[in-house]
Amino acid sequence: MFVVANFLMGVAQVLNVALSLCLWLVVARAILSWVNPDPYNPIVRFLRRSTDPVLSWIRRKIPVVYGGIDFSPLLVILVIYFLKSFAVASLFDLATRLH
């Protein structure tokens, strides 16, 4: 049973790191939206390519633009925090109980 527990612990850690990386990408994208960055900059292009699928999906499903302010990054950040506190914590607890 310890093999399953170690596997779940590893999955929880990888998921935690992946969600943290996504969180920082969305935060960087939101900060860049406050200025007028060079659209040909490789970092700006990477941030847009990596966050546009999620942000555009949220914008299509839920109208999150009020008064010219886009709240889709805030919604994505809240979902990431929910997943970290629910899914990752549940996997850690399950792995701990299986040990």
N, C-alpha and C. Protein backbone atom coordinates (compact mmCIF):
# COMPACT_ATOMS: atom_id res chain seq x y z
N MET A 1 0.81 -1.19 0.00
CA MET A 1 0.00 0.00 0.00
C MET A 1 0.86 1.26 0.00
N PHE A 2 2.11 1.13 0.47
CA PHE A 2 2.97 2.30 0.52
C PHE A 2 3.33 2.78 -0.88
N VAL A 3 3.31 1.89 -1.87
CA VAL A 3 3.62 2.29 -3.24
C VAL A 3 2.52 3.23 -3.76
N VAL A 4 1.27 2.89 -3.51
CA VAL A 4 0.16 3.73 -3.92
C VAL A 4 0.21 5.07 -3.18
N ALA A 5 0.56 5.03 -1.90
CA ALA A 5 0.66 6.26 -1.11
C ALA A 5 1.77 7.16 -1.67
N ASN A 6 2.90 6.58 -1.99
CA ASN A 6 4.00 7.37 -2.56
C ASN A 6 3.63 7.92 -3.93
N PHE A 7 2.92 7.13 -4.72
CA PHE A 7 2.48 7.59 -6.03
C PHE A 7 1.53 8.78 -5.89
N LEU A 8 0.56 8.67 -4.98
CA LEU A 8 -0.38 9.77 -4.76
C LEU A 8 0.33 11.01 -4.22
N MET A 9 1.33 10.81 -3.37
CA MET A 9 2.09 11.94 -2.85
C MET A 9 2.85 12.63 -3.98
N GLY A 10 3.41 11.84 -4.88
CA GLY A 10 4.11 12.41 -6.03
C GLY A 10 3.17 13.16 -6.96
N VAL A 11 2.00 12.59 -7.21
CA VAL A 11 1.00 13.26 -8.07
C VAL A 11 0.57 14.57 -7.43
N ALA A 12 0.37 14.56 -6.12
CA ALA A 12 -0.04 15.78 -5.42
C ALA A 12 1.03 16.85 -5.51
N GLN A 13 2.29 16.47 -5.37
CA GLN A 13 3.37 17.44 -5.45
C GLN A 13 3.52 18.02 -6.86
N VAL A 14 3.42 17.16 -7.87
CA VAL A 14 3.51 17.64 -9.25
C VAL A 14 2.33 18.55 -9.57
N LEU A 15 1.13 18.19 -9.13
CA LEU A 15 -0.04 19.03 -9.36
C LEU A 15 0.10 20.37 -8.64
N ASN A 16 0.65 20.36 -7.45
CA ASN A 16 0.87 21.59 -6.70
C ASN A 16 1.84 22.52 -7.44
N VAL A 17 2.93 21.97 -7.94
CA VAL A 17 3.91 22.78 -8.69
C VAL A 17 3.30 23.29 -9.99
N ALA A 18 2.56 22.45 -10.70
CA ALA A 18 1.95 22.87 -11.96
C ALA A 18 0.93 23.98 -11.74
N LEU A 19 0.14 23.86 -10.69
CA LEU A 19 -0.84 24.91 -10.39
C LEU A 19 -0.15 26.20 -9.96
N SER A 20 0.94 26.09 -9.22
CA SER A 20 1.69 27.29 -8.83
C SER A 20 2.28 27.97 -10.04
N LEU A 21 2.80 27.20 -10.98
CA LEU A 21 3.35 27.77 -12.21
C LEU A 21 2.26 28.47 -13.01
N CYS A 22 1.10 27.84 -13.12
CA CYS A 22 -0.03 28.46 -13.83
C CYS A 22 -0.46 29.75 -13.14
N LEU A 23 -0.46 29.74 -11.82
CA LEU A 23 -0.83 30.93 -11.06
C LEU A 23 0.12 32.09 -11.39
N TRP A 24 1.41 31.84 -11.39
CA TRP A 24 2.37 32.91 -11.66
C TRP A 24 2.31 33.37 -13.11
N LEU A 25 2.00 32.47 -14.04
CA LEU A 25 1.83 32.88 -15.44
C LEU A 25 0.64 33.82 -15.59
N VAL A 26 -0.46 33.51 -14.93
CA VAL A 26 -1.65 34.36 -15.01
C VAL A 26 -1.39 35.70 -14.33
N VAL A 27 -0.69 35.69 -13.21
CA VAL A 27 -0.37 36.95 -12.53
C VAL A 27 0.53 37.82 -13.42
N ALA A 28 1.53 37.21 -14.03
CA ALA A 28 2.42 37.97 -14.93
C ALA A 28 1.65 38.53 -16.11
N ARG A 29 0.74 37.73 -16.65
CA ARG A 29 -0.08 38.20 -17.78
C ARG A 29 -0.97 39.36 -17.36
N ALA A 30 -1.53 39.31 -16.17
CA ALA A 30 -2.39 40.39 -15.68
C ALA A 30 -1.57 41.66 -15.46
N ILE A 31 -0.38 41.53 -14.93
CA ILE A 31 0.46 42.71 -14.72
C ILE A 31 0.88 43.31 -16.06
N LEU A 32 1.18 42.46 -17.03
CA LEU A 32 1.55 42.97 -18.36
C LEU A 32 0.38 43.67 -19.05
N SER A 33 -0.83 43.32 -18.68
CA SER A 33 -1.98 43.98 -19.32
C SER A 33 -2.13 45.42 -18.86
N TRP A 34 -1.49 45.79 -17.76
CA TRP A 34 -1.56 47.16 -17.27
C TRP A 34 -0.69 48.11 -18.09
N VAL A 35 0.32 47.57 -18.75
CA VAL A 35 1.22 48.39 -19.58
C VAL A 35 1.01 47.98 -21.03
N ASN A 36 1.68 48.66 -21.91
CA ASN A 36 1.58 48.34 -23.33
C ASN A 36 2.89 47.65 -23.76
N PRO A 37 2.99 46.31 -23.56
CA PRO A 37 4.24 45.63 -23.87
C PRO A 37 4.41 45.45 -25.37
N ASP A 38 5.65 45.23 -25.76
CA ASP A 38 5.96 44.95 -27.16
C ASP A 38 5.38 43.58 -27.52
N PRO A 39 4.45 43.50 -28.48
CA PRO A 39 3.83 42.22 -28.80
C PRO A 39 4.79 41.22 -29.45
N TYR A 40 5.95 41.68 -29.89
CA TYR A 40 6.92 40.78 -30.52
C TYR A 40 7.98 40.29 -29.55
N ASN A 41 7.91 40.71 -28.32
CA ASN A 41 8.83 40.24 -27.30
C ASN A 41 8.55 38.76 -27.04
N PRO A 42 9.58 37.91 -27.02
CA PRO A 42 9.34 36.47 -26.82
C PRO A 42 8.67 36.13 -25.49
N ILE A 43 8.98 36.88 -24.45
CA ILE A 43 8.35 36.61 -23.15
C ILE A 43 6.87 36.95 -23.19
N VAL A 44 6.53 38.07 -23.80
CA VAL A 44 5.13 38.48 -23.92
C VAL A 44 4.38 37.47 -24.78
N ARG A 45 4.99 37.02 -25.86
CA ARG A 45 4.34 36.03 -26.73
C ARG A 45 4.12 34.72 -25.99
N PHE A 46 5.12 34.30 -25.19
CA PHE A 46 4.97 33.06 -24.42
C PHE A 46 3.83 33.18 -23.41
N LEU A 47 3.79 34.32 -22.70
CA LEU A 47 2.72 34.51 -21.70
C LEU A 47 1.35 34.51 -22.35
N ARG A 48 1.24 35.15 -23.50
CA ARG A 48 -0.06 35.17 -24.18
C ARG A 48 -0.45 33.78 -24.69
N ARG A 49 0.52 33.06 -25.27
CA ARG A 49 0.22 31.71 -25.78
C ARG A 49 -0.14 30.75 -24.66
N SER A 50 0.49 30.92 -23.50
CA SER A 50 0.24 29.97 -22.42
C SER A 50 -1.03 30.28 -21.62
N THR A 51 -1.46 31.53 -21.61
CA THR A 51 -2.64 31.86 -20.81
C THR A 51 -3.89 32.12 -21.63
N ASP A 52 -3.75 32.40 -22.92
CA ASP A 52 -4.92 32.70 -23.75
C ASP A 52 -5.96 31.57 -23.80
N PRO A 53 -5.56 30.30 -23.89
CA PRO A 53 -6.61 29.27 -23.95
C PRO A 53 -7.55 29.30 -22.74
N VAL A 54 -7.01 29.44 -21.56
CA VAL A 54 -7.85 29.44 -20.35
C VAL A 54 -8.63 30.74 -20.24
N LEU A 55 -7.94 31.86 -20.43
CA LEU A 55 -8.61 33.15 -20.27
C LEU A 55 -9.69 33.37 -21.32
N SER A 56 -9.42 32.98 -22.56
CA SER A 56 -10.44 33.17 -23.60
C SER A 56 -11.62 32.24 -23.38
N TRP A 57 -11.38 31.04 -22.86
CA TRP A 57 -12.48 30.12 -22.57
C TRP A 57 -13.37 30.72 -21.47
N ILE A 58 -12.75 31.28 -20.43
CA ILE A 58 -13.51 31.92 -19.35
C ILE A 58 -14.30 33.11 -19.90
N ARG A 59 -13.68 33.90 -20.75
CA ARG A 59 -14.36 35.08 -21.31
C ARG A 59 -15.55 34.69 -22.17
N ARG A 60 -15.46 33.56 -22.87
CA ARG A 60 -16.58 33.10 -23.70
C ARG A 60 -17.73 32.58 -22.85
N LYS A 61 -17.42 31.86 -21.78
CA LYS A 61 -18.45 31.23 -20.96
C LYS A 61 -19.12 32.20 -20.00
N ILE A 62 -18.33 33.09 -19.41
CA ILE A 62 -18.86 34.00 -18.39
C ILE A 62 -18.46 35.42 -18.78
N PRO A 63 -19.39 36.33 -18.86
CA PRO A 63 -19.00 37.72 -19.16
C PRO A 63 -18.35 38.36 -17.94
N VAL A 64 -17.03 38.41 -17.95
CA VAL A 64 -16.30 38.90 -16.78
C VAL A 64 -15.64 40.26 -17.03
N VAL A 65 -16.09 40.98 -18.05
CA VAL A 65 -15.57 42.31 -18.32
C VAL A 65 -16.62 43.32 -17.91
N TYR A 66 -16.31 44.11 -16.89
CA TYR A 66 -17.23 45.12 -16.38
C TYR A 66 -16.53 46.47 -16.39
N GLY A 67 -17.10 47.43 -17.07
CA GLY A 67 -16.53 48.76 -17.11
C GLY A 67 -15.15 48.82 -17.75
N GLY A 68 -14.88 47.94 -18.68
CA GLY A 68 -13.59 47.91 -19.34
C GLY A 68 -12.51 47.17 -18.57
N ILE A 69 -12.84 46.62 -17.42
CA ILE A 69 -11.87 45.86 -16.63
C ILE A 69 -12.17 44.38 -16.80
N ASP A 70 -11.12 43.62 -17.15
CA ASP A 70 -11.26 42.18 -17.37
C ASP A 70 -10.97 41.45 -16.06
N PHE A 71 -11.98 40.75 -15.56
CA PHE A 71 -11.83 40.02 -14.30
C PHE A 71 -11.54 38.53 -14.52
N SER A 72 -11.30 38.10 -15.76
CA SER A 72 -11.03 36.69 -16.00
C SER A 72 -9.75 36.20 -15.32
N PRO A 73 -8.65 36.99 -15.26
CA PRO A 73 -7.49 36.49 -14.50
C PRO A 73 -7.80 36.28 -13.03
N LEU A 74 -8.61 37.15 -12.45
CA LEU A 74 -8.99 36.98 -11.05
C LEU A 74 -9.78 35.69 -10.85
N LEU A 75 -10.69 35.40 -11.77
CA LEU A 75 -11.47 34.17 -11.68
C LEU A 75 -10.57 32.93 -11.83
N VAL A 76 -9.61 32.99 -12.75
CA VAL A 76 -8.69 31.87 -12.93
C VAL A 76 -7.84 31.68 -11.68
N ILE A 77 -7.38 32.76 -11.07
CA ILE A 77 -6.59 32.67 -9.85
C ILE A 77 -7.41 32.05 -8.72
N LEU A 78 -8.68 32.42 -8.61
CA LEU A 78 -9.54 31.82 -7.58
C LEU A 78 -9.74 30.33 -7.82
N VAL A 79 -9.89 29.93 -9.08
CA VAL A 79 -10.04 28.51 -9.39
C VAL A 79 -8.76 27.75 -9.06
N ILE A 80 -7.61 28.34 -9.35
CA ILE A 80 -6.34 27.70 -9.02
C ILE A 80 -6.19 27.53 -7.51
N TYR A 81 -6.53 28.56 -6.75
CA TYR A 81 -6.47 28.44 -5.29
C TYR A 81 -7.44 27.38 -4.78
N PHE A 82 -8.62 27.30 -5.38
CA PHE A 82 -9.57 26.26 -4.98
C PHE A 82 -9.00 24.87 -5.26
N LEU A 83 -8.42 24.68 -6.45
CA LEU A 83 -7.85 23.38 -6.79
C LEU A 83 -6.69 23.02 -5.87
N LYS A 84 -5.88 24.01 -5.52
CA LYS A 84 -4.76 23.74 -4.62
C LYS A 84 -5.26 23.37 -3.22
N SER A 85 -6.29 24.02 -2.75
CA SER A 85 -6.77 23.73 -1.40
C SER A 85 -7.66 22.50 -1.35
N PHE A 86 -8.29 22.14 -2.47
CA PHE A 86 -9.16 20.97 -2.46
C PHE A 86 -8.46 19.73 -3.02
N ALA A 87 -8.05 19.77 -4.28
CA ALA A 87 -7.52 18.58 -4.93
C ALA A 87 -6.16 18.18 -4.37
N VAL A 88 -5.26 19.14 -4.26
CA VAL A 88 -3.92 18.81 -3.77
C VAL A 88 -3.97 18.39 -2.31
N ALA A 89 -4.71 19.10 -1.51
CA ALA A 89 -4.82 18.74 -0.10
C ALA A 89 -5.48 17.37 0.07
N SER A 90 -6.47 17.07 -0.76
CA SER A 90 -7.14 15.76 -0.67
C SER A 90 -6.18 14.63 -1.05
N LEU A 91 -5.37 14.86 -2.08
CA LEU A 91 -4.39 13.84 -2.46
C LEU A 91 -3.33 13.65 -1.38
N PHE A 92 -2.87 14.73 -0.78
CA PHE A 92 -1.91 14.62 0.33
C PHE A 92 -2.51 13.85 1.50
N ASP A 93 -3.74 14.17 1.87
CA ASP A 93 -4.40 13.48 2.99
C ASP A 93 -4.61 12.00 2.69
N LEU A 94 -5.04 11.71 1.47
CA LEU A 94 -5.24 10.31 1.09
C LEU A 94 -3.93 9.55 1.13
N ALA A 95 -2.87 10.15 0.63
CA ALA A 95 -1.56 9.49 0.66
C ALA A 95 -1.07 9.29 2.09
N THR A 96 -1.32 10.25 2.94
CA THR A 96 -0.90 10.13 4.34
C THR A 96 -1.67 9.01 5.03
N ARG A 97 -2.94 8.88 4.75
CA ARG A 97 -3.74 7.82 5.39
C ARG A 97 -3.38 6.44 4.87
N LEU A 98 -2.91 6.36 3.63
CA LEU A 98 -2.54 5.06 3.08
C LEU A 98 -1.17 4.60 3.58
N HIS A 99 -0.38 5.51 4.09
CA HIS A 99 0.95 5.16 4.59
C HIS A 99 0.80 4.36 5.80
